[in-house]
């Protein structure tokens, strides 16, 4: 259900949310803030378990452009050489 409310911005720059809204936020949770010219939207970032991440990785399948071990070693050597110079 969509609900429209009015909130205030304090002189310190803090948003003053009504209790009914602030109770929906949880300490430690992350939120995406999406802005347009005249709109600011908060979207909760879903927490994924390791199993969720593993399942998503399986859905993606193998990377057709993945680097070989040799290519990775060459890149690491190149970076190390550039750091030494």
N, C-alpha and C. Protein backbone atom coordinates (compact mmCIF):
# COMPACT_ATOMS: atom_id res chain seq x y z
N UNK A 1 0.83 -1.17 0.00
CA UNK A 1 0.00 0.00 0.00
C UNK A 1 0.89 1.24 0.00
N UNK A 2 0.64 2.14 -0.91
CA UNK A 2 1.40 3.37 -1.00
C UNK A 2 0.77 4.43 -0.10
N UNK A 3 1.63 5.16 0.61
CA UNK A 3 1.15 6.20 1.52
C UNK A 3 2.02 7.43 1.32
N UNK A 4 1.42 8.59 1.31
CA UNK A 4 2.15 9.83 1.15
C UNK A 4 2.12 10.60 2.46
N UNK A 5 3.31 11.02 2.93
CA UNK A 5 3.41 11.82 4.14
C UNK A 5 4.32 13.01 3.86
N UNK A 6 4.29 13.99 4.74
CA UNK A 6 5.19 15.13 4.64
C UNK A 6 6.18 15.05 5.80
N UNK A 7 7.46 15.23 5.48
CA UNK A 7 8.49 15.24 6.52
C UNK A 7 9.25 16.55 6.44
N UNK A 8 9.98 16.85 7.50
CA UNK A 8 10.75 18.09 7.56
C UNK A 8 12.24 17.80 7.58
N UNK A 9 13.00 18.75 7.12
CA UNK A 9 14.45 18.70 7.18
C UNK A 9 14.88 19.67 8.27
N UNK A 10 15.61 19.17 9.27
CA UNK A 10 16.03 20.03 10.38
C UNK A 10 17.11 21.00 9.92
N UNK A 11 17.41 21.99 10.74
CA UNK A 11 18.47 22.95 10.40
C UNK A 11 19.83 22.27 10.35
N UNK A 12 19.96 21.10 11.01
CA UNK A 12 21.20 20.33 10.97
C UNK A 12 21.28 19.43 9.74
N UNK A 13 20.22 19.42 8.92
CA UNK A 13 20.21 18.60 7.70
C UNK A 13 19.69 17.20 7.90
N UNK A 14 19.07 16.92 9.04
CA UNK A 14 18.52 15.59 9.32
C UNK A 14 17.06 15.53 8.90
N UNK A 15 16.66 14.37 8.37
CA UNK A 15 15.25 14.15 8.06
C UNK A 15 14.52 13.80 9.34
N UNK A 16 13.40 14.44 9.58
CA UNK A 16 12.60 14.16 10.77
C UNK A 16 11.42 13.28 10.34
N UNK A 17 11.60 11.97 10.57
CA UNK A 17 10.59 11.00 10.16
C UNK A 17 9.59 10.74 11.27
N UNK A 18 8.31 10.63 10.93
CA UNK A 18 7.32 10.24 11.93
C UNK A 18 7.61 8.82 12.43
N UNK A 19 7.20 8.53 13.65
CA UNK A 19 7.46 7.23 14.26
C UNK A 19 6.98 6.08 13.38
N UNK A 20 5.81 6.22 12.75
CA UNK A 20 5.27 5.13 11.92
C UNK A 20 6.20 4.80 10.75
N UNK A 21 6.99 5.76 10.32
CA UNK A 21 7.95 5.52 9.23
C UNK A 21 9.29 5.04 9.79
N UNK A 22 9.81 5.72 10.81
CA UNK A 22 11.12 5.36 11.35
C UNK A 22 11.13 3.94 11.92
N UNK A 23 9.99 3.45 12.38
CA UNK A 23 9.91 2.08 12.89
C UNK A 23 10.15 1.05 11.79
N UNK A 24 10.00 1.44 10.54
CA UNK A 24 10.19 0.52 9.42
C UNK A 24 11.67 0.39 9.03
N UNK A 25 12.52 1.30 9.56
CA UNK A 25 13.95 1.23 9.32
C UNK A 25 14.60 0.43 10.44
N UNK A 26 15.62 -0.34 10.11
CA UNK A 26 16.32 -1.13 11.11
C UNK A 26 17.79 -0.75 11.12
N UNK A 27 18.35 -0.64 12.30
CA UNK A 27 19.77 -0.31 12.44
C UNK A 27 20.61 -1.38 11.73
N UNK A 28 21.55 -0.94 10.95
CA UNK A 28 22.43 -1.87 10.23
C UNK A 28 21.94 -2.26 8.85
N UNK A 29 20.68 -2.04 8.56
CA UNK A 29 20.16 -2.32 7.22
C UNK A 29 20.66 -1.27 6.25
N UNK A 30 20.77 -1.64 5.00
CA UNK A 30 21.22 -0.71 3.97
C UNK A 30 20.05 -0.36 3.06
N UNK A 31 20.08 0.86 2.56
CA UNK A 31 19.02 1.35 1.69
C UNK A 31 19.62 2.02 0.47
N UNK A 32 19.04 1.76 -0.68
CA UNK A 32 19.41 2.48 -1.89
C UNK A 32 18.63 3.78 -1.88
N UNK A 33 19.26 4.86 -2.26
CA UNK A 33 18.58 6.13 -2.37
C UNK A 33 18.57 6.49 -3.85
N UNK A 34 17.39 6.53 -4.43
CA UNK A 34 17.22 6.81 -5.85
C UNK A 34 16.66 8.22 -5.97
N UNK A 35 17.38 9.06 -6.72
CA UNK A 35 16.92 10.44 -6.86
C UNK A 35 16.66 10.78 -8.32
N UNK A 36 15.67 11.60 -8.53
CA UNK A 36 15.41 12.20 -9.83
C UNK A 36 15.31 13.70 -9.57
N UNK A 37 14.92 14.42 -10.56
CA UNK A 37 14.86 15.88 -10.42
C UNK A 37 14.01 16.32 -9.23
N UNK A 38 12.89 15.65 -9.00
CA UNK A 38 12.00 16.09 -7.92
C UNK A 38 11.53 14.95 -7.01
N UNK A 39 12.24 13.82 -7.02
CA UNK A 39 11.83 12.67 -6.22
C UNK A 39 13.04 12.04 -5.54
N UNK A 40 12.87 11.63 -4.29
CA UNK A 40 13.88 10.86 -3.56
C UNK A 40 13.16 9.62 -3.03
N UNK A 41 13.70 8.44 -3.37
CA UNK A 41 13.07 7.19 -2.97
C UNK A 41 14.09 6.33 -2.22
N UNK A 42 13.68 5.76 -1.10
CA UNK A 42 14.50 4.82 -0.35
C UNK A 42 14.03 3.41 -0.68
N UNK A 43 14.98 2.53 -1.00
CA UNK A 43 14.65 1.13 -1.25
C UNK A 43 15.57 0.27 -0.39
N UNK A 44 14.98 -0.64 0.38
CA UNK A 44 15.78 -1.51 1.23
C UNK A 44 16.58 -2.49 0.38
N UNK A 45 17.87 -2.61 0.71
CA UNK A 45 18.74 -3.56 0.02
C UNK A 45 18.50 -4.93 0.65
N UNK A 46 18.09 -5.91 -0.15
CA UNK A 46 17.83 -7.24 0.43
C UNK A 46 19.13 -7.89 0.90
N UNK A 47 19.04 -8.57 2.04
CA UNK A 47 20.20 -9.32 2.55
C UNK A 47 20.17 -10.70 1.90
N UNK A 48 21.32 -11.10 1.39
CA UNK A 48 21.43 -12.41 0.74
C UNK A 48 22.29 -13.33 1.59
N UNK A 49 21.85 -14.56 1.73
CA UNK A 49 22.66 -15.56 2.43
C UNK A 49 23.68 -16.12 1.45
N UNK A 50 24.65 -16.87 1.97
CA UNK A 50 25.63 -17.50 1.09
C UNK A 50 24.94 -18.45 0.10
N UNK A 51 23.90 -19.13 0.56
CA UNK A 51 23.17 -20.03 -0.34
C UNK A 51 22.51 -19.23 -1.47
N UNK A 52 21.94 -18.07 -1.13
CA UNK A 52 21.34 -17.21 -2.16
C UNK A 52 22.39 -16.79 -3.19
N UNK A 53 23.56 -16.38 -2.68
CA UNK A 53 24.63 -15.95 -3.59
C UNK A 53 25.10 -17.10 -4.47
N UNK A 54 25.23 -18.29 -3.88
CA UNK A 54 25.64 -19.46 -4.66
C UNK A 54 24.62 -19.78 -5.76
N UNK A 55 23.33 -19.69 -5.41
CA UNK A 55 22.27 -19.95 -6.40
C UNK A 55 22.32 -18.93 -7.53
N UNK A 56 22.53 -17.65 -7.18
CA UNK A 56 22.61 -16.61 -8.21
C UNK A 56 23.81 -16.85 -9.13
N UNK A 57 24.93 -17.29 -8.53
CA UNK A 57 26.13 -17.58 -9.32
C UNK A 57 25.86 -18.73 -10.30
N UNK A 58 25.13 -19.75 -9.84
CA UNK A 58 24.80 -20.88 -10.71
C UNK A 58 23.90 -20.43 -11.86
N UNK A 59 22.97 -19.52 -11.57
CA UNK A 59 22.06 -19.01 -12.60
C UNK A 59 22.84 -18.29 -13.71
N UNK A 60 23.91 -17.61 -13.32
CA UNK A 60 24.70 -16.86 -14.30
C UNK A 60 25.50 -17.77 -15.22
N UNK A 61 25.88 -18.93 -14.73
CA UNK A 61 26.66 -19.85 -15.54
C UNK A 61 28.13 -19.42 -15.59
N UNK A 62 28.90 -20.15 -16.36
CA UNK A 62 30.33 -19.87 -16.49
C UNK A 62 30.56 -18.61 -17.30
N UNK A 63 31.60 -17.87 -16.93
CA UNK A 63 31.99 -16.66 -17.65
C UNK A 63 32.73 -17.07 -18.92
N UNK A 64 32.18 -16.74 -20.09
CA UNK A 64 32.85 -17.14 -21.33
C UNK A 64 34.16 -16.39 -21.54
N UNK A 65 34.37 -15.31 -20.81
CA UNK A 65 35.60 -14.52 -20.97
C UNK A 65 36.50 -14.61 -19.74
N UNK A 66 36.37 -15.68 -18.98
CA UNK A 66 37.16 -15.79 -17.75
C UNK A 66 38.65 -15.92 -18.09
N UNK A 67 39.48 -15.39 -17.17
CA UNK A 67 40.92 -15.42 -17.36
C UNK A 67 41.48 -16.77 -16.93
N UNK A 68 42.54 -17.19 -17.60
CA UNK A 68 43.23 -18.41 -17.18
C UNK A 68 44.14 -18.06 -16.01
N UNK A 69 44.63 -19.08 -15.33
CA UNK A 69 45.56 -18.87 -14.22
C UNK A 69 46.81 -18.15 -14.73
N UNK A 70 47.27 -18.51 -15.91
CA UNK A 70 48.46 -17.88 -16.48
C UNK A 70 48.22 -16.39 -16.75
N UNK A 71 47.05 -16.06 -17.26
CA UNK A 71 46.73 -14.65 -17.53
C UNK A 71 46.66 -13.85 -16.23
N UNK A 72 46.11 -14.44 -15.20
CA UNK A 72 46.03 -13.77 -13.91
C UNK A 72 47.44 -13.54 -13.36
N UNK A 73 48.30 -14.57 -13.45
CA UNK A 73 49.68 -14.44 -12.98
C UNK A 73 50.40 -13.32 -13.71
N UNK A 74 50.22 -13.23 -15.02
CA UNK A 74 50.85 -12.16 -15.81
C UNK A 74 50.37 -10.78 -15.37
N UNK A 75 49.08 -10.66 -15.12
CA UNK A 75 48.53 -9.38 -14.65
C UNK A 75 49.10 -9.00 -13.28
N UNK A 76 49.21 -9.97 -12.39
CA UNK A 76 49.76 -9.71 -11.06
C UNK A 76 51.21 -9.26 -11.18
N UNK A 77 52.00 -9.93 -12.02
CA UNK A 77 53.40 -9.54 -12.23
C UNK A 77 53.49 -8.12 -12.77
N UNK A 78 52.63 -7.79 -13.72
CA UNK A 78 52.61 -6.45 -14.32
C UNK A 78 52.31 -5.39 -13.26
N UNK A 79 51.31 -5.64 -12.43
CA UNK A 79 50.95 -4.70 -11.38
C UNK A 79 52.09 -4.54 -10.38
N UNK A 80 52.67 -5.65 -9.97
CA UNK A 80 53.80 -5.59 -9.02
C UNK A 80 54.95 -4.80 -9.61
N UNK A 81 55.27 -5.03 -10.86
CA UNK A 81 56.37 -4.31 -11.50
C UNK A 81 56.06 -2.81 -11.56
N UNK A 82 54.83 -2.46 -11.83
CA UNK A 82 54.45 -1.04 -11.88
C UNK A 82 54.50 -0.40 -10.50
N UNK A 83 54.23 -1.15 -9.44
CA UNK A 83 54.28 -0.61 -8.09
C UNK A 83 55.72 -0.36 -7.64
N UNK A 84 56.63 -1.20 -8.10
CA UNK A 84 58.04 -1.08 -7.72
C UNK A 84 58.69 0.14 -8.38
N UNK A 85 58.27 0.47 -9.57
CA UNK A 85 58.88 1.60 -10.32
C UNK A 85 58.56 2.92 -9.74
